[in-house]
């Protein structure tokens, strides 16, 4: 999966999911933070031209950095989310979210609230790709997600 933008890449690095990093000519404190964390995590960094970053990000605002990231773990079941929950569980259920930007934006509050997980449909839902990662400002790298076929059945269980 491709993740682009400073915050999503930083969070993916913190979560240990980045396998390779491509950076452009952009400098600044935040880019130095990305490069330092990549060095600490032994992530291969490649300097590339901006047009390659543009193509990799599919026209998204990459801010001079694109990362190859292991897929976000959606291997959780609803039962695992419940078993791993606190005394008073906080599990967010998403139904019918088809826009990746909306999905990403919706994932930020569960991450900020330290939710025990998110349940979403595996079909007819937005992909957990680069656009969702960018919109989530990196929260997608930390939130436990259970993808289910039928939301009503998952809630019943």
N, C-alpha and C. Protein backbone atom coordinates (compact mmCIF):
# COMPACT_ATOMS: atom_id res chain seq x y z
N UNK A 1 0.85 -1.17 0.00
CA UNK A 1 0.00 0.00 0.00
C UNK A 1 0.90 1.23 0.00
N UNK A 2 0.49 2.27 -0.68
CA UNK A 2 1.20 3.53 -0.74
C UNK A 2 0.55 4.51 0.23
N UNK A 3 1.36 5.17 1.04
CA UNK A 3 0.90 6.21 1.95
C UNK A 3 1.72 7.45 1.64
N UNK A 4 1.07 8.59 1.60
CA UNK A 4 1.78 9.81 1.27
C UNK A 4 1.38 10.94 2.19
N UNK A 5 2.27 11.92 2.32
CA UNK A 5 2.05 13.06 3.22
C UNK A 5 2.84 12.88 4.50
N UNK A 6 3.28 13.99 5.07
CA UNK A 6 4.15 13.97 6.25
C UNK A 6 3.54 13.21 7.42
N UNK A 7 2.33 13.61 7.87
CA UNK A 7 1.74 12.97 9.05
C UNK A 7 1.43 11.49 8.84
N UNK A 8 0.79 11.10 7.74
CA UNK A 8 0.53 9.67 7.55
C UNK A 8 1.82 8.84 7.50
N UNK A 9 2.86 9.36 6.87
CA UNK A 9 4.11 8.63 6.79
C UNK A 9 4.77 8.55 8.16
N UNK A 10 4.76 9.65 8.91
CA UNK A 10 5.32 9.62 10.27
C UNK A 10 4.62 8.57 11.13
N UNK A 11 3.30 8.53 11.09
CA UNK A 11 2.56 7.57 11.90
C UNK A 11 2.80 6.14 11.45
N UNK A 12 2.91 5.93 10.13
CA UNK A 12 3.21 4.59 9.64
C UNK A 12 4.62 4.17 10.08
N UNK A 13 5.56 5.11 10.10
CA UNK A 13 6.91 4.82 10.60
C UNK A 13 6.85 4.47 12.08
N UNK A 14 6.12 5.24 12.86
CA UNK A 14 5.99 4.97 14.30
C UNK A 14 5.37 3.61 14.56
N UNK A 15 4.44 3.21 13.69
CA UNK A 15 3.77 1.92 13.85
C UNK A 15 4.62 0.77 13.32
N UNK A 16 5.76 1.09 12.71
CA UNK A 16 6.65 0.04 12.20
C UNK A 16 6.16 -0.63 10.94
N UNK A 17 5.38 0.06 10.13
CA UNK A 17 4.79 -0.55 8.93
C UNK A 17 5.45 -0.13 7.63
N UNK A 18 6.39 0.82 7.66
CA UNK A 18 7.00 1.32 6.42
C UNK A 18 8.11 0.37 5.98
N UNK A 19 8.06 -0.02 4.70
CA UNK A 19 9.09 -0.90 4.15
C UNK A 19 10.07 -0.14 3.26
N UNK A 20 9.65 0.97 2.67
CA UNK A 20 10.52 1.79 1.84
C UNK A 20 9.96 3.21 1.80
N UNK A 21 10.85 4.15 1.59
CA UNK A 21 10.47 5.56 1.62
C UNK A 21 11.07 6.26 0.42
N UNK A 22 10.26 7.09 -0.24
CA UNK A 22 10.75 7.91 -1.34
C UNK A 22 10.51 9.36 -0.97
N UNK A 23 11.54 10.17 -1.09
CA UNK A 23 11.44 11.58 -0.73
C UNK A 23 11.94 12.45 -1.87
N UNK A 24 11.37 13.64 -1.93
CA UNK A 24 11.78 14.62 -2.93
C UNK A 24 12.77 15.60 -2.33
N UNK A 25 12.85 16.76 -2.93
CA UNK A 25 13.84 17.77 -2.53
C UNK A 25 13.39 18.60 -1.34
N UNK A 26 12.18 18.43 -0.89
CA UNK A 26 11.65 19.24 0.21
C UNK A 26 12.49 19.07 1.48
N UNK A 27 12.71 20.17 2.17
CA UNK A 27 13.45 20.13 3.43
C UNK A 27 12.53 20.50 4.57
N UNK A 28 13.09 21.01 5.62
CA UNK A 28 12.30 21.45 6.76
C UNK A 28 12.38 20.50 7.93
N UNK A 29 11.91 20.99 9.06
CA UNK A 29 11.99 20.24 10.31
C UNK A 29 11.18 18.94 10.26
N UNK A 30 10.00 19.00 9.70
CA UNK A 30 9.15 17.80 9.65
C UNK A 30 9.76 16.72 8.75
N UNK A 31 10.37 17.13 7.63
CA UNK A 31 11.02 16.17 6.76
C UNK A 31 12.25 15.57 7.45
N UNK A 32 12.97 16.37 8.21
CA UNK A 32 14.10 15.85 8.97
C UNK A 32 13.61 14.82 10.00
N UNK A 33 12.45 15.06 10.58
CA UNK A 33 11.87 14.11 11.53
C UNK A 33 11.54 12.79 10.83
N UNK A 34 10.98 12.86 9.63
CA UNK A 34 10.67 11.66 8.85
C UNK A 34 11.95 10.89 8.55
N UNK A 35 12.97 11.59 8.08
CA UNK A 35 14.22 10.94 7.71
C UNK A 35 14.92 10.34 8.92
N UNK A 36 14.88 11.04 10.04
CA UNK A 36 15.50 10.54 11.26
C UNK A 36 14.81 9.27 11.75
N UNK A 37 13.49 9.28 11.75
CA UNK A 37 12.73 8.10 12.17
C UNK A 37 12.96 6.93 11.21
N UNK A 38 13.02 7.23 9.92
CA UNK A 38 13.30 6.18 8.93
C UNK A 38 14.68 5.57 9.19
N UNK A 39 15.65 6.41 9.49
CA UNK A 39 17.00 5.91 9.80
C UNK A 39 16.97 5.03 11.04
N UNK A 40 16.27 5.50 12.10
CA UNK A 40 16.16 4.73 13.34
C UNK A 40 15.50 3.37 13.12
N UNK A 41 14.58 3.29 12.16
CA UNK A 41 13.83 2.06 11.90
C UNK A 41 14.48 1.23 10.78
N UNK A 42 15.64 1.69 10.29
CA UNK A 42 16.36 1.01 9.20
C UNK A 42 15.52 0.86 7.94
N UNK A 43 14.76 1.91 7.62
CA UNK A 43 13.94 1.93 6.41
C UNK A 43 14.76 2.52 5.27
N UNK A 44 14.75 1.84 4.15
CA UNK A 44 15.48 2.31 2.96
C UNK A 44 14.83 3.60 2.46
N UNK A 45 15.66 4.63 2.23
CA UNK A 45 15.19 5.92 1.74
C UNK A 45 15.79 6.17 0.37
N UNK A 46 14.94 6.56 -0.56
CA UNK A 46 15.37 6.84 -1.92
C UNK A 46 14.98 8.26 -2.29
N UNK A 47 15.93 9.04 -2.78
CA UNK A 47 15.66 10.40 -3.28
C UNK A 47 15.14 10.29 -4.70
N UNK A 48 14.00 10.91 -4.97
CA UNK A 48 13.39 10.83 -6.30
C UNK A 48 12.90 12.22 -6.72
N UNK A 49 12.55 12.32 -7.99
CA UNK A 49 12.01 13.56 -8.54
C UNK A 49 10.53 13.73 -8.15
N UNK A 50 10.09 14.97 -8.13
CA UNK A 50 8.71 15.28 -7.72
C UNK A 50 7.68 14.62 -8.63
N UNK A 51 7.97 14.48 -9.93
CA UNK A 51 6.98 13.88 -10.82
C UNK A 51 6.72 12.41 -10.48
N UNK A 52 7.73 11.70 -10.00
CA UNK A 52 7.50 10.31 -9.56
C UNK A 52 6.63 10.28 -8.32
N UNK A 53 6.88 11.20 -7.38
CA UNK A 53 6.03 11.28 -6.18
C UNK A 53 4.59 11.59 -6.57
N UNK A 54 4.41 12.49 -7.54
CA UNK A 54 3.06 12.83 -8.02
C UNK A 54 2.35 11.60 -8.56
N UNK A 55 3.07 10.81 -9.35
CA UNK A 55 2.46 9.59 -9.93
C UNK A 55 2.14 8.57 -8.85
N UNK A 56 3.08 8.36 -7.92
CA UNK A 56 2.86 7.38 -6.86
C UNK A 56 1.68 7.75 -5.98
N UNK A 57 1.53 9.05 -5.71
CA UNK A 57 0.44 9.52 -4.85
C UNK A 57 -0.87 9.67 -5.61
N UNK A 58 -0.86 9.36 -6.89
CA UNK A 58 -2.10 9.44 -7.68
C UNK A 58 -2.69 10.82 -7.70
N UNK A 59 -1.84 11.83 -7.67
CA UNK A 59 -2.31 13.21 -7.69
C UNK A 59 -2.63 13.77 -6.32
N UNK A 60 -2.49 12.97 -5.27
CA UNK A 60 -2.73 13.46 -3.91
C UNK A 60 -1.61 14.37 -3.44
N UNK A 61 -1.84 15.12 -2.39
CA UNK A 61 -0.85 16.05 -1.85
C UNK A 61 0.15 15.24 -1.02
N UNK A 62 1.30 14.96 -1.60
CA UNK A 62 2.28 14.08 -0.96
C UNK A 62 3.27 14.80 -0.06
N UNK A 63 3.38 16.11 -0.16
CA UNK A 63 4.27 16.91 0.68
C UNK A 63 5.73 16.44 0.60
N UNK A 64 6.09 15.84 -0.53
CA UNK A 64 7.47 15.45 -0.75
C UNK A 64 7.86 14.10 -0.20
N UNK A 65 6.88 13.30 0.23
CA UNK A 65 7.22 11.98 0.79
C UNK A 65 6.13 10.95 0.47
N UNK A 66 6.58 9.78 0.02
CA UNK A 66 5.70 8.66 -0.27
C UNK A 66 6.34 7.42 0.33
N UNK A 67 5.54 6.60 1.01
CA UNK A 67 6.06 5.40 1.66
C UNK A 67 5.33 4.16 1.17
N UNK A 68 6.09 3.08 1.04
CA UNK A 68 5.50 1.77 0.85
C UNK A 68 5.23 1.23 2.24
N UNK A 69 3.99 0.85 2.49
CA UNK A 69 3.58 0.46 3.84
C UNK A 69 2.89 -0.90 3.79
N UNK A 70 3.19 -1.72 4.79
CA UNK A 70 2.47 -2.98 4.92
C UNK A 70 1.00 -2.66 5.11
N UNK A 71 0.15 -3.46 4.55
CA UNK A 71 -1.29 -3.24 4.67
C UNK A 71 -1.70 -3.09 6.13
N UNK A 72 -2.63 -2.16 6.36
CA UNK A 72 -3.17 -2.01 7.71
C UNK A 72 -3.82 -3.32 8.11
N UNK A 73 -3.64 -3.71 9.33
CA UNK A 73 -4.15 -4.99 9.77
C UNK A 73 -5.66 -4.94 9.94
N UNK A 74 -6.33 -5.68 9.08
CA UNK A 74 -7.78 -5.82 9.21
C UNK A 74 -8.10 -7.28 9.48
N UNK A 75 -7.14 -7.97 10.03
CA UNK A 75 -7.30 -9.38 10.33
C UNK A 75 -8.00 -9.62 11.67
N UNK A 76 -8.51 -8.59 12.26
CA UNK A 76 -9.19 -8.73 13.54
C UNK A 76 -10.62 -9.18 13.31
N UNK A 77 -11.13 -9.95 14.23
CA UNK A 77 -12.55 -10.28 14.23
C UNK A 77 -13.22 -9.38 15.26
N UNK A 78 -14.52 -9.29 15.19
CA UNK A 78 -15.26 -8.50 16.18
C UNK A 78 -15.03 -9.09 17.57
N UNK A 79 -15.01 -10.40 17.65
CA UNK A 79 -14.78 -11.07 18.95
C UNK A 79 -13.41 -10.68 19.52
N UNK A 80 -12.39 -10.59 18.67
CA UNK A 80 -11.06 -10.19 19.15
C UNK A 80 -11.06 -8.76 19.66
N UNK A 81 -11.78 -7.88 18.97
CA UNK A 81 -11.87 -6.49 19.43
C UNK A 81 -12.53 -6.44 20.81
N UNK A 82 -13.60 -7.20 20.97
CA UNK A 82 -14.32 -7.21 22.25
C UNK A 82 -13.47 -7.82 23.36
N UNK A 83 -12.80 -8.95 23.06
CA UNK A 83 -11.94 -9.59 24.07
C UNK A 83 -10.80 -8.67 24.51
N UNK A 84 -10.25 -7.90 23.59
CA UNK A 84 -9.13 -7.03 23.92
C UNK A 84 -9.55 -5.67 24.46
N UNK A 85 -10.85 -5.48 24.64
CA UNK A 85 -11.36 -4.18 25.06
C UNK A 85 -11.19 -3.95 26.56
N UNK A 86 -11.32 -2.69 26.91
CA UNK A 86 -11.30 -2.28 28.32
C UNK A 86 -12.59 -2.73 29.01
N UNK A 87 -12.70 -2.38 30.28
CA UNK A 87 -13.92 -2.73 31.03
C UNK A 87 -15.17 -2.17 30.35
N UNK A 88 -15.06 -0.94 29.87
CA UNK A 88 -16.16 -0.32 29.12
C UNK A 88 -15.64 -0.14 27.69
N UNK A 89 -15.98 -1.07 26.80
CA UNK A 89 -15.42 -1.04 25.45
C UNK A 89 -15.91 0.16 24.65
N UNK A 90 -15.03 0.62 23.77
CA UNK A 90 -15.39 1.66 22.80
C UNK A 90 -15.04 1.11 21.43
N UNK A 91 -16.05 0.63 20.74
CA UNK A 91 -15.88 0.08 19.40
C UNK A 91 -16.77 0.89 18.47
N UNK A 92 -16.18 1.44 17.43
CA UNK A 92 -16.88 2.28 16.47
C UNK A 92 -17.30 1.41 15.29
N UNK A 93 -18.55 1.53 14.88
CA UNK A 93 -19.08 0.74 13.77
C UNK A 93 -19.37 1.69 12.60
N UNK A 94 -18.80 1.36 11.44
CA UNK A 94 -18.99 2.17 10.23
C UNK A 94 -19.80 1.37 9.23
N UNK A 95 -20.83 1.99 8.69
CA UNK A 95 -21.67 1.30 7.71
C UNK A 95 -21.89 2.22 6.52
N UNK A 96 -21.52 1.76 5.35
CA UNK A 96 -21.80 2.50 4.13
C UNK A 96 -20.87 3.66 3.87
N UNK A 97 -19.66 3.63 4.39
CA UNK A 97 -18.70 4.70 4.13
C UNK A 97 -17.95 4.35 2.84
N UNK A 98 -18.28 5.04 1.76
CA UNK A 98 -17.73 4.71 0.45
C UNK A 98 -16.63 5.66 0.00
N UNK A 99 -16.53 6.81 0.59
CA UNK A 99 -15.52 7.79 0.20
C UNK A 99 -14.27 7.61 1.07
N UNK A 100 -13.10 7.39 0.47
CA UNK A 100 -11.89 7.17 1.28
C UNK A 100 -11.51 8.37 2.13
N UNK A 101 -11.84 9.58 1.68
CA UNK A 101 -11.54 10.77 2.48
C UNK A 101 -12.41 10.81 3.73
N UNK A 102 -13.67 10.45 3.57
CA UNK A 102 -14.56 10.37 4.74
C UNK A 102 -14.10 9.28 5.70
N UNK A 103 -13.72 8.12 5.15
CA UNK A 103 -13.24 7.03 5.98
C UNK A 103 -12.04 7.48 6.81
N UNK A 104 -11.08 8.11 6.15
CA UNK A 104 -9.89 8.59 6.86
C UNK A 104 -10.23 9.59 7.95
N UNK A 105 -11.11 10.52 7.63
CA UNK A 105 -11.50 11.53 8.62
C UNK A 105 -12.22 10.89 9.80
N UNK A 106 -13.02 9.87 9.53
CA UNK A 106 -13.77 9.18 10.59
C UNK A 106 -12.83 8.37 11.48
N UNK A 107 -11.70 7.90 10.96
CA UNK A 107 -10.77 7.11 11.77
C UNK A 107 -9.96 7.94 12.76
N UNK A 108 -9.89 9.24 12.58
CA UNK A 108 -9.11 10.08 13.51
C UNK A 108 -9.69 10.09 14.92
N UNK A 109 -10.99 10.33 15.13
CA UNK A 109 -11.51 10.33 16.50
C UNK A 109 -11.36 9.01 17.26
N UNK A 110 -11.62 7.84 16.63
CA UNK A 110 -11.39 6.60 17.39
C UNK A 110 -9.93 6.45 17.84
N UNK A 111 -9.00 6.89 17.00
CA UNK A 111 -7.59 6.83 17.40
C UNK A 111 -7.33 7.77 18.55
N UNK A 112 -7.84 8.99 18.45
CA UNK A 112 -7.63 9.99 19.51
C UNK A 112 -8.27 9.57 20.82
N UNK A 113 -9.40 8.88 20.73
CA UNK A 113 -10.12 8.44 21.93
C UNK A 113 -9.65 7.08 22.43
N UNK A 114 -8.61 6.54 21.80
CA UNK A 114 -8.07 5.22 22.17
C UNK A 114 -9.17 4.15 22.13
N UNK A 115 -9.97 4.20 21.07
CA UNK A 115 -11.02 3.20 20.90
C UNK A 115 -10.41 1.81 20.80
N UNK A 116 -11.17 0.82 21.18
CA UNK A 116 -10.70 -0.56 21.15
C UNK A 116 -10.70 -1.13 19.74
N UNK A 117 -11.37 -0.46 18.81
CA UNK A 117 -11.37 -0.91 17.43
C UNK A 117 -12.49 -0.30 16.62
N UNK A 118 -12.45 -0.61 15.34
CA UNK A 118 -13.44 -0.14 14.38
C UNK A 118 -13.94 -1.35 13.61
N UNK A 119 -15.25 -1.42 13.41
CA UNK A 119 -15.87 -2.47 12.61
C UNK A 119 -16.42 -1.82 11.36
N UNK A 120 -16.07 -2.39 10.20
CA UNK A 120 -16.58 -1.84 8.94
C UNK A 120 -16.85 -2.98 7.97
N UNK A 121 -17.66 -2.70 6.97
CA UNK A 121 -17.99 -3.70 5.95
C UNK A 121 -16.77 -3.97 5.08
N UNK A 122 -16.62 -5.20 4.65
CA UNK A 122 -15.52 -5.55 3.76
C UNK A 122 -15.86 -5.25 2.30
N UNK A 123 -17.14 -5.20 1.99
CA UNK A 123 -17.58 -4.89 0.62
C UNK A 123 -18.38 -3.60 0.62
N UNK A 124 -18.37 -2.95 -0.52
CA UNK A 124 -19.09 -1.69 -0.70
C UNK A 124 -18.66 -0.66 0.34
N UNK A 125 -17.38 -0.64 0.64
CA UNK A 125 -16.81 0.34 1.56
C UNK A 125 -15.56 0.93 0.93
N UNK A 126 -15.18 2.08 1.40
CA UNK A 126 -13.97 2.72 0.90
C UNK A 126 -12.75 1.86 1.20
N UNK A 127 -11.79 1.92 0.32
CA UNK A 127 -10.55 1.17 0.49
C UNK A 127 -9.69 1.82 1.56
N UNK A 128 -8.94 0.99 2.28
CA UNK A 128 -8.02 1.48 3.31
C UNK A 128 -6.67 1.79 2.66
N UNK A 129 -6.67 2.61 1.62
CA UNK A 129 -5.46 2.92 0.87
C UNK A 129 -4.89 4.29 1.18
N UNK A 130 -4.14 4.81 0.23
CA UNK A 130 -3.43 6.07 0.41
C UNK A 130 -4.31 7.26 0.73
N UNK A 131 -5.43 7.40 0.02
CA UNK A 131 -6.32 8.54 0.27
C UNK A 131 -6.90 8.49 1.68
N UNK A 132 -7.30 7.30 2.12
CA UNK A 132 -7.84 7.16 3.48
C UNK A 132 -6.74 7.42 4.51
N UNK A 133 -5.53 6.93 4.23
CA UNK A 133 -4.41 7.14 5.16
C UNK A 133 -4.09 8.62 5.27
N UNK A 134 -4.08 9.33 4.15
CA UNK A 134 -3.79 10.77 4.16
C UNK A 134 -4.86 11.51 4.95
N UNK A 135 -6.13 11.21 4.67
CA UNK A 135 -7.22 11.88 5.36
C UNK A 135 -7.25 11.56 6.85
N UNK A 136 -6.72 10.38 7.22
CA UNK A 136 -6.72 10.01 8.64
C UNK A 136 -5.55 10.63 9.40
N UNK A 137 -4.69 11.34 8.68
CA UNK A 137 -3.48 11.93 9.28
C UNK A 137 -2.64 10.89 10.00
N UNK A 138 -2.67 9.67 9.47
CA UNK A 138 -1.86 8.60 10.03
C UNK A 138 -2.56 7.71 11.04
N UNK A 139 -3.78 8.05 11.43
CA UNK A 139 -4.49 7.24 12.43
C UNK A 139 -4.72 5.82 11.94
N UNK A 140 -4.83 5.64 10.64
CA UNK A 140 -5.09 4.32 10.07
C UNK A 140 -4.00 3.32 10.45
N UNK A 141 -2.80 3.81 10.74
CA UNK A 141 -1.69 2.92 11.10
C UNK A 141 -1.82 2.36 12.51
N UNK A 142 -2.72 2.93 13.31
CA UNK A 142 -2.81 2.55 14.72
C UNK A 142 -4.14 1.91 15.13
N UNK A 143 -5.19 2.15 14.37
CA UNK A 143 -6.52 1.69 14.75
C UNK A 143 -6.70 0.22 14.35
N UNK A 144 -7.22 -0.59 15.26
CA UNK A 144 -7.54 -1.99 14.95
C UNK A 144 -8.86 -2.00 14.19
N UNK A 145 -8.86 -2.68 13.04
CA UNK A 145 -10.04 -2.69 12.19
C UNK A 145 -10.47 -4.12 11.92
N UNK A 146 -11.75 -4.37 12.15
CA UNK A 146 -12.36 -5.66 11.81
C UNK A 146 -13.27 -5.43 10.62
N UNK A 147 -12.99 -6.10 9.53
CA UNK A 147 -13.86 -6.00 8.37
C UNK A 147 -14.81 -7.20 8.37
N UNK A 148 -16.09 -6.91 8.21
CA UNK A 148 -17.11 -7.94 8.25
C UNK A 148 -17.98 -7.85 7.00
N UNK A 149 -18.63 -8.95 6.67
CA UNK A 149 -19.51 -8.98 5.51
C UNK A 149 -20.85 -8.32 5.84
N UNK A 150 -21.36 -8.57 7.03
CA UNK A 150 -22.69 -8.10 7.40
C UNK A 150 -22.62 -7.39 8.76
N UNK A 151 -22.86 -6.09 8.74
CA UNK A 151 -22.77 -5.28 9.96
C UNK A 151 -23.81 -5.73 10.99
N UNK A 152 -25.06 -5.95 10.57
CA UNK A 152 -26.11 -6.33 11.49
C UNK A 152 -25.78 -7.65 12.20
N UNK A 153 -25.26 -8.62 11.46
CA UNK A 153 -24.89 -9.90 12.03
C UNK A 153 -23.73 -9.72 13.01
N UNK A 154 -22.75 -8.88 12.64
CA UNK A 154 -21.59 -8.64 13.51
C UNK A 154 -22.04 -7.99 14.82
N UNK A 155 -22.98 -7.07 14.75
CA UNK A 155 -23.48 -6.42 15.97
C UNK A 155 -24.25 -7.43 16.83
N UNK A 156 -24.99 -8.31 16.19
CA UNK A 156 -25.72 -9.34 16.92
C UNK A 156 -24.81 -10.30 17.67
N UNK A 157 -23.68 -10.62 17.05
CA UNK A 157 -22.72 -11.52 17.68
C UNK A 157 -22.08 -10.84 18.88
